Protein backbone atom coordinates (compact mmCIF):
# COMPACT_ATOMS: atom_id res chain seq x y z
CA UNK A 1 -2.42 48.29 48.36
CA UNK A 2 -4.63 48.63 45.27
CA UNK A 3 -2.52 49.86 42.39
CA UNK A 4 -3.24 51.52 39.05
CA UNK A 5 -6.66 52.95 39.90
CA UNK A 6 -7.66 55.11 36.90
CA UNK A 7 -7.75 58.82 37.69
CA UNK A 8 -8.68 60.31 34.32
CA UNK A 9 -12.42 60.79 34.78
CA UNK A 10 -12.78 62.80 31.60
CA UNK A 11 -12.29 59.60 29.60
CA UNK A 12 -15.22 57.86 31.40
CA UNK A 13 -13.41 54.80 32.85
CA UNK A 14 -15.49 51.72 33.62
CA UNK A 15 -14.33 48.42 35.11
CA UNK A 16 -16.01 45.68 33.07
CA UNK A 17 -14.95 42.59 35.03
CA UNK A 18 -12.07 40.94 36.85
CA UNK A 19 -10.35 37.58 36.35
CA UNK A 20 -9.06 36.14 39.64
CA UNK A 21 -5.62 34.56 39.74
CA UNK A 22 -5.67 30.77 39.75
CA UNK A 23 -4.84 27.59 37.89
CA UNK A 24 -8.40 26.60 36.96
CA UNK A 25 -9.90 27.12 33.49
CA UNK A 26 -11.01 30.70 33.07
CA UNK A 27 -8.66 32.01 35.78
CA UNK A 28 -5.63 34.23 35.15
CA UNK A 29 -2.41 32.31 35.71
CA UNK A 30 0.40 34.16 37.50
CA UNK A 31 3.81 32.94 38.63
CA UNK A 32 6.67 35.18 39.82
CA UNK A 33 10.32 34.11 39.63
CA UNK A 34 12.40 36.59 41.65
CA UNK A 35 15.71 35.05 40.53
CA UNK A 36 18.90 34.48 42.48
CA UNK A 37 21.86 36.84 42.62
CA UNK A 38 22.81 38.04 39.10
CA UNK A 39 19.68 36.38 37.65
CA UNK A 40 16.87 38.45 36.09
CA UNK A 41 13.48 38.86 37.66
CA UNK A 42 10.56 37.74 35.51
CA UNK A 43 6.99 36.49 35.71
CA UNK A 44 4.71 34.22 33.69
CA UNK A 45 1.02 34.64 33.07
CA UNK A 46 -1.59 36.48 31.03
CA UNK A 47 -0.71 39.98 29.82
CA UNK A 48 -2.00 40.58 26.26
CA UNK A 49 -5.46 41.86 25.38
CA UNK A 50 -7.71 41.60 22.31
CA UNK A 51 -11.18 43.13 21.86
CA UNK A 52 -13.64 42.39 19.03
CA UNK A 53 -14.71 45.35 16.85
CA UNK A 54 -18.19 45.48 18.41
CA UNK A 55 -16.74 45.24 21.92
CA UNK A 56 -18.77 42.14 22.76
CA UNK A 57 -15.87 39.68 22.93
CA UNK A 58 -12.67 40.08 24.93
CA UNK A 59 -9.66 37.75 24.74
CA UNK A 60 -6.78 37.52 27.22
CA UNK A 61 -3.55 35.89 25.99
CA UNK A 62 -0.79 34.38 28.09
CA UNK A 63 1.15 31.32 29.16
CA UNK A 64 1.11 29.03 32.19
CA UNK A 65 3.36 26.45 33.78
CA UNK A 66 3.04 22.88 32.50
CA UNK A 67 4.41 19.54 33.71
CA UNK A 68 4.02 17.97 30.25
CA UNK A 69 4.86 20.74 27.74
CA UNK A 70 7.73 23.17 27.23
CA UNK A 71 5.36 25.97 26.26
CA UNK A 72 1.71 26.16 27.34
CA UNK A 73 0.05 29.13 25.66
CA UNK A 74 -3.65 29.92 25.86
CA UNK A 75 -6.30 32.45 24.92
CA UNK A 76 -9.21 32.97 27.32
CA UNK A 77 -12.43 34.18 25.66
CA UNK A 78 -14.97 36.26 27.60
CA UNK A 79 -18.07 38.29 26.91
CA UNK A 80 -17.87 42.00 27.70
CA UNK A 81 -19.80 41.21 30.91
CA UNK A 82 -17.06 38.80 32.02
CA UNK A 83 -18.78 35.49 31.24
CA UNK A 84 -16.12 32.89 30.41
CA UNK A 85 -16.72 31.32 26.98
CA UNK A 86 -13.81 29.07 26.13
CA UNK A 87 -10.10 28.39 26.54
CA UNK A 88 -8.06 27.95 23.35
CA UNK A 89 -4.91 26.01 24.26
CA UNK A 90 -1.68 25.81 22.24
CA UNK A 91 0.94 23.50 23.72
CA UNK A 92 4.42 22.89 22.36
CA UNK A 93 7.01 20.28 23.33
CA UNK A 94 10.58 19.80 22.08
CA UNK A 95 12.36 16.46 22.28
CA UNK A 96 16.16 16.50 22.38
CA UNK A 97 18.73 13.79 21.79
CA UNK A 98 22.16 14.29 23.46
CA UNK A 99 23.94 13.35 20.23
CA UNK A 100 21.69 14.69 17.46
CA UNK A 101 20.02 17.69 19.12
CA UNK A 102 16.37 18.39 18.32
CA UNK A 103 14.71 15.02 17.77
CA UNK A 104 10.99 15.69 17.88
CA UNK A 105 8.42 18.44 18.21
CA UNK A 106 4.78 18.26 19.18
CA UNK A 107 2.16 20.97 18.84
CA UNK A 108 2.68 24.66 18.04
CA UNK A 109 3.03 28.01 19.80
CA UNK A 110 1.34 31.36 19.24
CA UNK A 111 3.31 34.13 17.48
CA UNK A 112 0.50 36.62 16.76
CA UNK A 113 -3.24 37.02 17.27
CA UNK A 114 -5.90 39.61 16.48
CA UNK A 115 -9.60 40.26 16.00
CA UNK A 116 -10.46 41.13 12.41
CA UNK A 117 -13.00 43.79 11.49
CA UNK A 118 -15.19 40.85 10.41
CA UNK A 119 -15.44 39.84 14.09
CA UNK A 120 -13.38 36.64 13.71
CA UNK A 121 -10.36 35.73 15.83
CA UNK A 122 -7.15 35.09 13.86
CA UNK A 123 -4.27 33.20 15.49
CA UNK A 124 -0.91 32.64 13.78
CA UNK A 125 1.10 29.71 15.15
CA UNK A 126 4.54 28.26 14.51
CA UNK A 127 6.48 25.04 14.94
CA UNK A 128 10.08 24.03 14.23
CA UNK A 129 10.71 21.60 11.38
CA UNK A 130 12.81 18.52 12.10
CA UNK A 131 14.21 18.25 8.58
CA UNK A 132 16.36 21.36 8.93
CA UNK A 133 14.08 23.55 6.76
CA UNK A 134 13.42 26.00 9.54
CA UNK A 135 9.85 26.50 10.67
CA UNK A 136 6.25 26.16 9.57
CA UNK A 137 3.43 28.58 10.34
CA UNK A 138 -0.33 28.32 10.05
CA UNK A 139 -3.35 30.57 10.66
CA UNK A 140 -6.25 29.35 12.78
CA UNK A 141 -9.58 31.20 12.64
CA UNK A 142 -12.32 31.06 15.29
CA UNK A 143 -15.84 32.49 15.43
CA UNK A 144 -17.30 34.57 18.26
CA UNK A 145 -17.95 31.45 20.38
CA UNK A 146 -14.43 30.11 19.94
CA UNK A 147 -15.41 27.49 17.36
CA UNK A 148 -12.62 26.56 14.94
CA UNK A 149 -13.35 27.34 11.26
CA UNK A 150 -11.49 24.58 9.41
CA UNK A 151 -11.99 25.47 5.73
CA UNK A 152 -11.09 29.15 5.96
CA UNK A 153 -8.15 28.38 8.29
CA UNK A 154 -6.71 25.96 5.73
CA UNK A 155 -7.12 28.52 2.94
CA UNK A 156 -5.24 31.22 4.86
CA UNK A 157 -2.56 28.69 5.81
CA UNK A 158 -2.00 27.74 2.15
CA UNK A 159 -1.51 31.40 1.28
CA UNK A 160 0.90 31.88 4.19
CA UNK A 161 2.98 28.77 3.59
CA UNK A 162 3.21 29.54 -0.13
CA UNK A 163 5.16 32.72 0.64
CA UNK A 164 7.41 31.97 3.58
CA UNK A 165 8.89 35.46 3.54
CA UNK A 166 5.79 36.31 5.57
CA UNK A 167 6.94 34.14 8.47
CA UNK A 168 8.93 37.06 9.92
CA UNK A 169 6.49 39.80 8.94
CA UNK A 170 4.00 41.58 11.21
CA UNK A 171 0.34 40.52 11.03
CA UNK A 172 -1.34 43.94 11.19
CA UNK A 173 -5.08 43.28 10.82
CA UNK A 174 -7.94 41.75 8.86
CA UNK A 175 -10.52 43.93 7.11
CA UNK A 176 -14.29 43.46 6.94
CA UNK A 177 -13.91 41.11 3.96
CA UNK A 178 -11.46 38.88 5.82
CA UNK A 179 -8.37 40.10 3.96
CA UNK A 180 -5.36 39.70 6.29
CA UNK A 181 -2.60 42.33 5.98
CA UNK A 182 1.07 41.63 6.66
CA UNK A 183 3.70 44.34 7.02
CA UNK A 184 7.03 43.48 5.47
CA UNK A 185 9.79 46.09 5.38
CA UNK A 186 9.42 46.89 1.69
CA UNK A 187 5.86 45.78 0.89
CA UNK A 188 2.39 45.04 2.23
CA UNK A 189 1.18 41.51 1.54
CA UNK A 190 -2.47 40.44 1.75
CA UNK A 191 -4.16 37.02 1.92
CA UNK A 192 -7.91 36.69 1.30
CA UNK A 193 -10.33 33.98 2.43
CA UNK A 194 -9.52 31.87 -0.63
CA UNK A 195 -5.80 31.93 0.21
CA UNK A 196 -4.96 34.28 -2.68
CA UNK A 197 -2.09 36.68 -2.05
CA UNK A 198 -1.93 40.32 -3.10
CA UNK A 199 0.64 43.11 -2.80
CA UNK A 200 0.47 46.84 -2.03
CA UNK A 201 3.67 48.86 -2.60
CA UNK A 202 5.11 51.01 0.21
CA UNK A 203 6.57 54.42 -0.71
CA UNK A 204 8.89 54.16 2.31
CA UNK A 205 9.67 51.59 4.99
CA UNK A 206 7.33 53.01 7.64
CA UNK A 207 5.38 50.86 10.08
CA UNK A 208 1.92 49.84 8.87
CA UNK A 209 -1.28 50.39 10.87
CA UNK A 210 -4.92 49.60 10.12
CA UNK A 211 -7.68 51.88 11.42
CA UNK A 212 -9.54 49.89 14.07
CA UNK A 213 -12.88 51.37 12.97
CA UNK A 214 -12.69 51.88 9.20
CA UNK A 215 -9.94 49.51 8.03
CA UNK A 216 -8.02 52.36 6.37
CA UNK A 217 -4.27 51.77 6.06
CA UNK A 218 -1.64 54.16 7.45
CA UNK A 219 2.14 54.32 7.31
CA UNK A 220 4.07 56.02 10.10
CA UNK A 221 7.02 58.23 9.20
CA UNK A 222 9.31 60.29 11.43
CA UNK A 223 8.95 63.91 10.33
CA UNK A 224 11.86 65.01 12.52
CA UNK A 225 13.95 61.91 13.33
CA UNK A 226 16.71 63.90 15.10
CA UNK A 227 14.27 65.61 17.45
CA UNK A 228 13.70 64.04 20.87
CA UNK A 229 10.93 63.15 21.21
CA UNK A 230 10.23 63.10 17.46
CA UNK A 231 7.23 64.37 15.52
CA UNK A 232 5.53 61.73 13.36
CA UNK A 233 3.63 61.88 10.09
CA UNK A 234 0.81 59.49 9.26
CA UNK A 235 0.28 58.68 5.59
CA UNK A 236 -3.07 57.21 4.54
CA UNK A 237 -3.68 54.86 1.62
CA UNK A 238 -5.99 56.17 -1.09
CA UNK A 239 -6.44 54.04 -4.24
CA UNK A 240 -3.24 52.10 -3.42
CA UNK A 241 -1.23 55.28 -2.96
CA UNK A 242 -0.21 56.82 0.36
CA UNK A 243 -0.65 60.53 1.08
CA UNK A 244 0.27 62.48 4.20
CA UNK A 245 -2.82 63.08 6.35
CA UNK A 246 -1.74 64.22 9.83
CA UNK A 247 1.24 65.15 12.00
CA UNK A 248 1.38 64.02 15.65
CA UNK A 249 1.95 65.75 17.96
CA UNK A 250 1.41 69.25 16.69
CA UNK A 251 4.67 71.16 16.52
CA UNK A 252 3.48 73.82 18.95
CA UNK A 253 3.07 71.22 21.72
CA UNK A 254 6.18 69.09 21.23
CA UNK A 255 8.23 71.15 23.73
CA UNK A 256 5.83 70.22 26.53
CA UNK A 257 6.30 66.51 25.82
CA UNK A 258 10.07 66.83 25.65
CA UNK A 259 10.05 67.91 29.28
CA UNK A 260 7.95 64.92 30.42
CA UNK A 261 8.67 62.00 28.06
CA UNK A 262 11.72 60.57 26.34
CA UNK A 263 9.77 58.87 23.58
CA UNK A 264 6.40 57.48 22.59
CA UNK A 265 5.28 55.00 19.99
CA UNK A 266 2.03 54.45 18.15
CA UNK A 267 -0.29 51.73 19.43
CA UNK A 268 -3.42 52.17 17.34
CA UNK A 269 -5.51 54.41 15.08
CA UNK A 270 -9.27 54.75 15.53
CA UNK A 271 -10.99 57.09 13.07
CA UNK A 272 -9.51 60.54 13.79
CA UNK A 273 -7.80 59.50 17.05
CA UNK A 274 -4.30 58.09 17.55
CA UNK A 275 -3.14 56.23 20.68
CA UNK A 276 0.50 56.33 21.82
CA UNK A 277 2.45 54.74 24.67
CA UNK A 278 4.77 57.30 26.27
CA UNK A 279 7.98 56.55 28.19
CA UNK A 280 9.27 58.54 31.17
CA UNK A 281 12.93 59.67 31.37
CA UNK A 282 13.36 57.70 34.60
CA UNK A 283 11.58 54.30 34.73
CA UNK A 284 8.67 54.21 37.16
CA UNK A 285 7.95 50.92 38.89
CA UNK A 286 4.94 49.74 40.84
CA UNK A 287 4.91 46.62 43.01
CA UNK A 288 1.95 44.47 43.93
CA UNK A 289 1.86 41.84 46.67
CA UNK A 290 0.08 38.97 44.88
CA UNK A 291 -0.43 35.34 45.97
CA UNK A 292 2.38 34.43 43.55
CA UNK A 293 4.81 36.95 45.03
CA UNK A 294 5.79 40.57 44.42
CA UNK A 295 4.77 41.53 40.88
CA UNK A 296 6.68 44.44 39.32
CA UNK A 297 5.01 46.70 36.76
CA UNK A 298 6.55 49.40 34.56
CA UNK A 299 4.44 52.58 34.40
CA UNK A 300 3.70 54.46 31.17
CA UNK A 301 1.12 56.95 29.92
CA UNK A 302 -1.25 56.39 27.03
CA UNK A 303 -1.58 59.62 25.05
CA UNK A 304 -4.64 60.17 22.85
CA UNK A 305 -4.37 62.78 20.09
CA UNK A 306 -6.99 64.10 17.68
CA UNK A 307 -6.31 64.54 13.96
CA UNK A 308 -4.84 68.02 14.48
CA UNK A 309 -2.14 66.58 16.74
CA UNK A 310 -3.75 68.00 19.89
CA UNK A 311 -3.51 65.93 23.08
CA UNK A 312 -7.02 65.20 24.38
CA UNK A 313 -6.45 62.43 26.97
CA UNK A 314 -3.63 61.14 29.18
CA UNK A 315 -4.36 57.78 30.78
CA UNK A 316 -2.06 55.90 33.21
CA UNK A 317 -0.94 52.46 32.07
CA UNK A 318 1.29 49.82 33.67
CA UNK A 319 2.64 46.57 32.25
CA UNK A 320 4.01 43.67 34.34
CA UNK A 321 7.36 41.95 33.85
CA UNK A 322 5.79 39.14 31.83
CA UNK A 323 7.31 38.43 28.41
CA UNK A 324 4.66 38.89 25.67
CA UNK A 325 4.16 35.93 23.35
CA UNK A 326 2.80 37.72 20.25
CA UNK A 327 6.11 38.78 18.74
CA UNK A 328 4.85 39.03 15.14
CA UNK A 329 2.02 41.49 15.60
CA UNK A 330 -1.65 41.44 16.46
CA UNK A 331 -1.84 42.60 20.05
CA UNK A 332 -0.59 45.81 21.66
CA UNK A 333 0.26 44.26 25.01
CA UNK A 334 -2.38 45.08 27.64
CA UNK A 335 -4.12 47.67 25.42
CA UNK A 336 -6.85 47.45 22.76
CA UNK A 337 -9.54 49.51 21.01
CA UNK A 338 -12.85 48.54 19.40
CA UNK A 339 -14.51 50.14 16.36
CA UNK A 340 -17.01 52.12 18.45
CA UNK A 341 -14.66 54.61 20.07
CA UNK A 342 -13.73 52.67 23.21
CA UNK A 343 -10.26 51.99 24.58
CA UNK A 344 -9.46 49.02 26.84
CA UNK A 345 -6.60 48.19 29.20
CA UNK A 346 -5.73 45.40 31.60
CA UNK A 347 -4.97 46.43 35.15
CA UNK A 348 -3.34 44.19 37.74
CA UNK A 349 -4.36 44.08 41.41
CA UNK A 350 -3.26 41.93 44.34
CA UNK A 351 -5.90 39.29 43.56
CA UNK A 352 -6.96 39.59 39.91
CA UNK A 353 -6.55 41.09 36.46
CA UNK A 354 -9.20 43.70 35.71
CA UNK A 355 -10.53 44.75 32.30
CA UNK A 356 -11.21 48.50 32.04
CA UNK A 357 -12.96 50.41 29.28
CA UNK A 358 -12.62 54.13 28.47
CA UNK A 359 -15.17 55.84 26.23
CA UNK A 360 -12.49 58.04 24.68
CA UNK A 361 -13.69 58.19 21.09
CA UNK A 362 -17.35 57.96 22.05
CA UNK A 363 -17.10 61.12 24.12
CA UNK A 364 -15.09 62.92 21.45
CA UNK A 365 -17.55 62.13 18.65
CA UNK A 366 -20.48 63.23 20.80
CA UNK A 367 -19.11 66.74 21.19
């Protein structure tokens, strides 16, 4: 059985390359743990996707089993043709004492990662402090070939560690000048390449998004919070003030979605297009017979709207039962967009993970 074959030809789907399952460098790790009676099913492996703004670099994030570390996270870097570039490994080990509890830690683990509009790869990591002060985070920056940029990484890390309130905030994006944006509930905090922090006030506690093509900032607000599914407003920043720009979906189409979906949430903004993951009233599962065992995937739709709130594309999308590791922002699971109008998803088969590209925005802008 070959699952998840794209059927929306209007969005010009193209399979870029596949990553076979395996334990070797450059392969996609996959392990399935079916669980005993009354134990949950889960899997471990790669499931999160990043794409550089120009579409020339693709990163796959995940974890693998390790005999020597408690957590073995990694980012696999590829060209858009599927050539393997480098593996960035982040290993973390905890040492426990029966009497005193946590005794030692070694290494760090990934909590968020993203490609900035400057083409650099930003990775935020964390480790637990032994002195009882909680945790410490840092930001590592890599170029297009996966080479670590020490000076700029240390500058960002100074800015981050100097304002530890950011440790629980969402890392939203980095603009063309290398300014990283963090979404806190009541404010937007920025850190530039010199490690200097800045602040942008939020008129309300909406979720922050950065346009994947232009770098413009948007806040999401529920226009009708009691309606199911709700209608959302998107407010755009202009001269450090936010003004309402669009409503999605349009009010004359919301009844159609109420019959098909229970809810949907915003994944990304790309010029005039918005991308949403929609949830069915009854969960839909797919199962794949992989070398690691039966892999279960939850099926969604990705809805693409134009700036009038009109639905222009519906694309099938399925995510496996693998716990994501980027819990403080950066990735959107197995989904990504570049700055050129392309959308990307990961698709699982019996033997490999495939990277697919849809020329959604390219086609729309050419009309």
